[in-house]
């Protein structure tokens, strides 16, 4: 299965184009390529859950002043706010009961992926929504931004894509797909079934063998 979009975060045109080329090449090579399935988990709900659980863990290590600030901001959230930034705040300030309920949702998510992989060998999707990008070093992470096709989005929302495999504990292998129009590296991740690390690794090997592997940008070319 090949996925190139996320309901909560756009994917840069260079990334989409690279994934489309790969899907076309795979189909020409005789691979059955699907673009959608009723078995695929809801990426919007998956990302919201991932943000809460990730920040529920990381928030335990925040200094007292940062934790107090997060609690103050969380108290102002609307219950109807579905943004990933709101979910991160909810995760930092979540009760143990809320975390246990989220852990149950994660178990359900793992079951969904298990059902998906009864019909598909692997899922190919972006690692991040853009090619390589300039790092934003603003001290307050919540103020950082990432530009996707000329529009700014919260920097931390990029975690939505790595969270696809990380939250349910699935193996994922990164594969280079060439360079963007600006000469920057573009890649995808191949997500495989739980504990089947060799599956995405083998598919990555076959893609490299058939369509070519990593080629360094001209700046680093010997």
Protein backbone atom coordinates (compact mmCIF):
# COMPACT_ATOMS: atom_id res chain seq x y z
CA UNK A 1 0.00 0.00 0.00
CA UNK A 2 1.20 3.52 -0.84
CA UNK A 3 0.04 6.62 1.10
CA UNK A 4 1.17 10.17 0.28
CA UNK A 5 -1.20 12.39 2.28
CA UNK A 6 -2.25 13.02 5.88
CA UNK A 7 -5.63 14.46 6.93
CA UNK A 8 -4.05 16.87 9.43
CA UNK A 9 -0.86 17.92 7.65
CA UNK A 10 -0.19 18.54 3.93
CA UNK A 11 2.62 16.77 2.13
CA UNK A 12 5.04 18.83 0.04
CA UNK A 13 4.63 18.45 -3.73
CA UNK A 14 8.20 17.13 -4.09
CA UNK A 15 7.50 14.34 -1.62
CA UNK A 16 4.20 13.48 -3.30
CA UNK A 17 5.85 13.42 -6.72
CA UNK A 18 8.62 11.11 -5.51
CA UNK A 19 6.09 8.72 -3.97
CA UNK A 20 4.00 8.76 -7.15
CA UNK A 21 7.07 7.87 -9.22
CA UNK A 22 7.87 5.00 -6.89
CA UNK A 23 4.29 3.72 -7.01
CA UNK A 24 4.33 3.86 -10.81
CA UNK A 25 7.69 2.08 -10.98
CA UNK A 26 6.49 -0.64 -8.59
CA UNK A 27 3.32 -1.19 -10.60
CA UNK A 28 5.34 -1.46 -13.84
CA UNK A 29 7.53 -4.04 -12.12
CA UNK A 30 4.47 -6.18 -11.40
CA UNK A 31 3.80 -5.15 -7.79
CA UNK A 32 0.16 -4.79 -6.75
CA UNK A 33 -0.09 -1.22 -5.42
CA UNK A 34 -3.15 0.02 -3.50
CA UNK A 35 -3.79 3.65 -2.57
CA UNK A 36 -6.56 3.12 -0.01
CA UNK A 37 -8.18 0.46 2.13
CA UNK A 38 -10.95 0.33 4.69
CA UNK A 39 -8.47 -1.56 6.87
CA UNK A 40 -6.10 1.41 7.14
CA UNK A 41 -6.26 3.09 10.58
CA UNK A 42 -7.55 6.65 10.83
CA UNK A 43 -4.37 8.74 10.55
CA UNK A 44 -6.03 11.78 12.13
CA UNK A 45 -6.99 9.91 15.29
CA UNK A 46 -3.68 8.03 15.26
CA UNK A 47 -1.71 11.31 15.25
CA UNK A 48 -3.81 12.83 18.02
CA UNK A 49 -3.28 9.75 20.15
CA UNK A 50 0.45 9.72 19.38
CA UNK A 51 0.89 13.36 20.38
CA UNK A 52 -0.87 12.78 23.70
CA UNK A 53 1.10 9.67 24.57
CA UNK A 54 4.44 11.09 23.42
CA UNK A 55 4.05 14.28 25.43
CA UNK A 56 2.60 12.33 28.34
CA UNK A 57 6.01 10.68 28.52
CA UNK A 58 8.19 13.69 27.72
CA UNK A 59 6.15 15.97 29.97
CA UNK A 60 7.15 13.92 33.00
CA UNK A 61 10.66 15.35 32.65
CA UNK A 62 9.76 19.04 32.20
CA UNK A 63 11.14 21.54 34.74
CA UNK A 64 8.48 22.73 37.23
CA UNK A 65 8.11 26.17 35.61
CA UNK A 66 7.55 24.70 32.13
CA UNK A 67 5.07 22.20 33.52
CA UNK A 68 3.17 24.99 35.28
CA UNK A 69 3.07 26.97 32.04
CA UNK A 70 1.76 23.95 30.13
CA UNK A 71 -0.96 23.41 32.73
CA UNK A 72 -2.00 27.06 32.51
CA UNK A 73 -2.24 26.88 28.73
CA UNK A 74 -4.06 23.53 28.84
CA UNK A 75 -6.67 25.00 31.17
CA UNK A 76 -7.57 27.50 28.43
CA UNK A 77 -8.10 24.85 25.75
CA UNK A 78 -11.53 24.35 24.28
CA UNK A 79 -12.70 20.73 24.63
CA UNK A 80 -13.54 20.91 20.92
CA UNK A 81 -10.01 21.90 19.86
CA UNK A 82 -8.76 18.96 17.72
CA UNK A 83 -5.38 20.43 16.77
CA UNK A 84 -2.20 18.45 17.32
CA UNK A 85 -0.85 21.31 19.45
CA UNK A 86 -3.86 20.96 21.75
CA UNK A 87 -3.29 17.21 21.98
CA UNK A 88 0.32 17.78 22.98
CA UNK A 89 -0.83 20.01 25.82
CA UNK A 90 -3.41 17.45 26.88
CA UNK A 91 -0.70 14.80 26.92
CA UNK A 92 1.61 16.86 29.15
CA UNK A 93 -1.16 17.44 31.68
CA UNK A 94 -3.02 14.12 31.36
CA UNK A 95 -4.13 12.15 34.41
CA UNK A 96 -3.02 8.56 34.88
CA UNK A 97 -6.59 7.48 34.05
CA UNK A 98 -6.43 9.35 30.73
CA UNK A 99 -3.10 7.71 29.92
CA UNK A 100 -4.50 4.24 30.69
CA UNK A 101 -7.44 4.88 28.36
CA UNK A 102 -5.04 6.04 25.64
CA UNK A 103 -2.94 2.92 26.17
CA UNK A 104 -6.09 0.89 25.51
CA UNK A 105 -6.65 2.84 22.28
CA UNK A 106 -3.08 2.06 21.25
CA UNK A 107 -3.77 -1.66 21.78
CA UNK A 108 -6.78 -1.33 19.50
CA UNK A 109 -4.63 0.44 16.92
CA UNK A 110 -2.17 -2.45 16.95
CA UNK A 111 -5.03 -4.82 16.22
CA UNK A 112 -6.06 -2.63 13.25
CA UNK A 113 -2.57 -2.77 11.80
CA UNK A 114 -2.46 -6.53 12.31
CA UNK A 115 -5.66 -6.84 10.28
CA UNK A 116 -4.25 -4.58 7.56
CA UNK A 117 -1.11 -6.67 7.22
CA UNK A 118 -3.19 -9.77 6.66
CA UNK A 119 -3.93 -8.23 3.24
CA UNK A 120 -0.83 -6.10 2.55
CA UNK A 121 2.88 -6.82 2.86
CA UNK A 122 3.95 -3.25 3.68
CA UNK A 123 2.86 0.38 3.74
CA UNK A 124 4.97 3.04 2.00
CA UNK A 125 4.46 6.61 3.21
CA UNK A 126 6.38 9.84 3.91
CA UNK A 127 8.92 10.03 6.72
CA UNK A 128 8.33 13.77 7.01
CA UNK A 129 6.05 16.12 5.04
CA UNK A 130 8.92 17.89 3.23
CA UNK A 131 12.39 17.22 1.80
CA UNK A 132 15.33 18.24 3.99
CA UNK A 133 14.53 21.61 5.59
CA UNK A 134 16.27 24.43 7.52
CA UNK A 135 16.14 23.74 11.24
CA UNK A 136 14.24 26.19 13.43
CA UNK A 137 16.10 26.86 16.68
CA UNK A 138 13.68 29.19 18.44
CA UNK A 139 13.99 28.42 22.17
CA UNK A 140 10.22 27.93 22.53
CA UNK A 141 9.46 24.90 20.42
CA UNK A 142 5.75 25.69 20.19
CA UNK A 143 6.62 28.88 18.28
CA UNK A 144 8.69 27.09 15.63
CA UNK A 145 7.26 26.71 12.13
CA UNK A 146 7.84 24.49 9.09
CA UNK A 147 7.03 25.68 5.55
CA UNK A 148 5.09 23.24 3.38
CA UNK A 149 4.58 24.45 -0.18
CA UNK A 150 4.99 28.03 1.00
CA UNK A 151 2.60 27.87 3.96
CA UNK A 152 3.70 27.72 7.60
CA UNK A 153 2.60 24.97 9.99
CA UNK A 154 3.52 24.13 13.61
CA UNK A 155 6.99 22.58 13.59
CA UNK A 156 6.09 19.73 15.93
CA UNK A 157 3.16 18.64 13.77
CA UNK A 158 5.73 16.96 11.51
CA UNK A 159 5.88 14.18 14.11
CA UNK A 160 2.59 12.94 12.68
CA UNK A 161 4.43 10.90 10.03
CA UNK A 162 7.05 9.16 12.21
CA UNK A 163 4.22 8.50 14.68
CA UNK A 164 2.47 6.28 12.13
CA UNK A 165 4.94 3.47 12.86
CA UNK A 166 6.21 4.55 16.28
CA UNK A 167 2.90 4.54 18.16
CA UNK A 168 1.92 0.93 17.38
CA UNK A 169 5.56 -0.22 17.59
CA UNK A 170 5.94 -1.25 13.95
CA UNK A 171 9.28 -1.65 12.14
CA UNK A 172 10.02 1.03 9.53
CA UNK A 173 12.89 1.38 7.06
CA UNK A 174 13.85 4.70 5.45
CA UNK A 175 14.49 4.65 1.70
CA UNK A 176 15.98 7.50 -0.40
CA UNK A 177 13.96 8.46 -3.49
CA UNK A 178 16.28 11.01 -5.04
CA UNK A 179 16.37 14.79 -4.84
CA UNK A 180 13.78 17.56 -4.84
CA UNK A 181 13.69 20.30 -7.50
CA UNK A 182 16.03 22.26 -5.19
CA UNK A 183 18.50 19.37 -4.96
CA UNK A 184 17.50 18.29 -1.44
CA UNK A 185 17.12 14.63 -0.36
CA UNK A 186 13.64 13.07 -0.44
CA UNK A 187 12.80 9.74 1.17
CA UNK A 188 9.98 7.52 2.37
CA UNK A 189 9.47 4.99 5.10
CA UNK A 190 8.43 1.39 4.53
CA UNK A 191 6.30 0.21 7.45
CA UNK A 192 6.02 -3.53 8.08
CA UNK A 193 4.08 -5.87 10.36
CA UNK A 194 4.83 -6.06 14.09
CA UNK A 195 8.14 -7.87 14.77
CA UNK A 196 8.71 -8.47 11.03
CA UNK A 197 11.68 -6.12 10.68
CA UNK A 198 13.07 -8.12 7.77
CA UNK A 199 10.02 -7.36 5.64
CA UNK A 200 10.59 -3.60 5.19
CA UNK A 201 14.34 -4.16 5.06
CA UNK A 202 13.95 -6.65 2.21
CA UNK A 203 11.56 -4.39 0.31
CA UNK A 204 14.02 -1.50 0.72
CA UNK A 205 16.78 -3.73 -0.69
CA UNK A 206 14.65 -4.69 -3.68
CA UNK A 207 13.68 -1.06 -4.38
CA UNK A 208 17.33 -0.02 -4.28
CA UNK A 209 18.35 -2.87 -6.54
CA UNK A 210 15.60 -2.22 -9.09
CA UNK A 211 15.35 1.57 -9.11
CA UNK A 212 18.68 2.82 -7.73
CA UNK A 213 19.77 3.79 -4.25
CA UNK A 214 21.13 6.86 -2.52
CA UNK A 215 22.83 9.46 -4.68
CA UNK A 216 24.55 12.28 -2.80
CA UNK A 217 23.56 15.88 -3.60
CA UNK A 218 26.06 17.63 -5.93
CA UNK A 219 27.57 19.56 -2.99
CA UNK A 220 28.75 16.30 -1.42
CA UNK A 221 29.54 14.44 -4.61
CA UNK A 222 33.17 13.34 -4.87
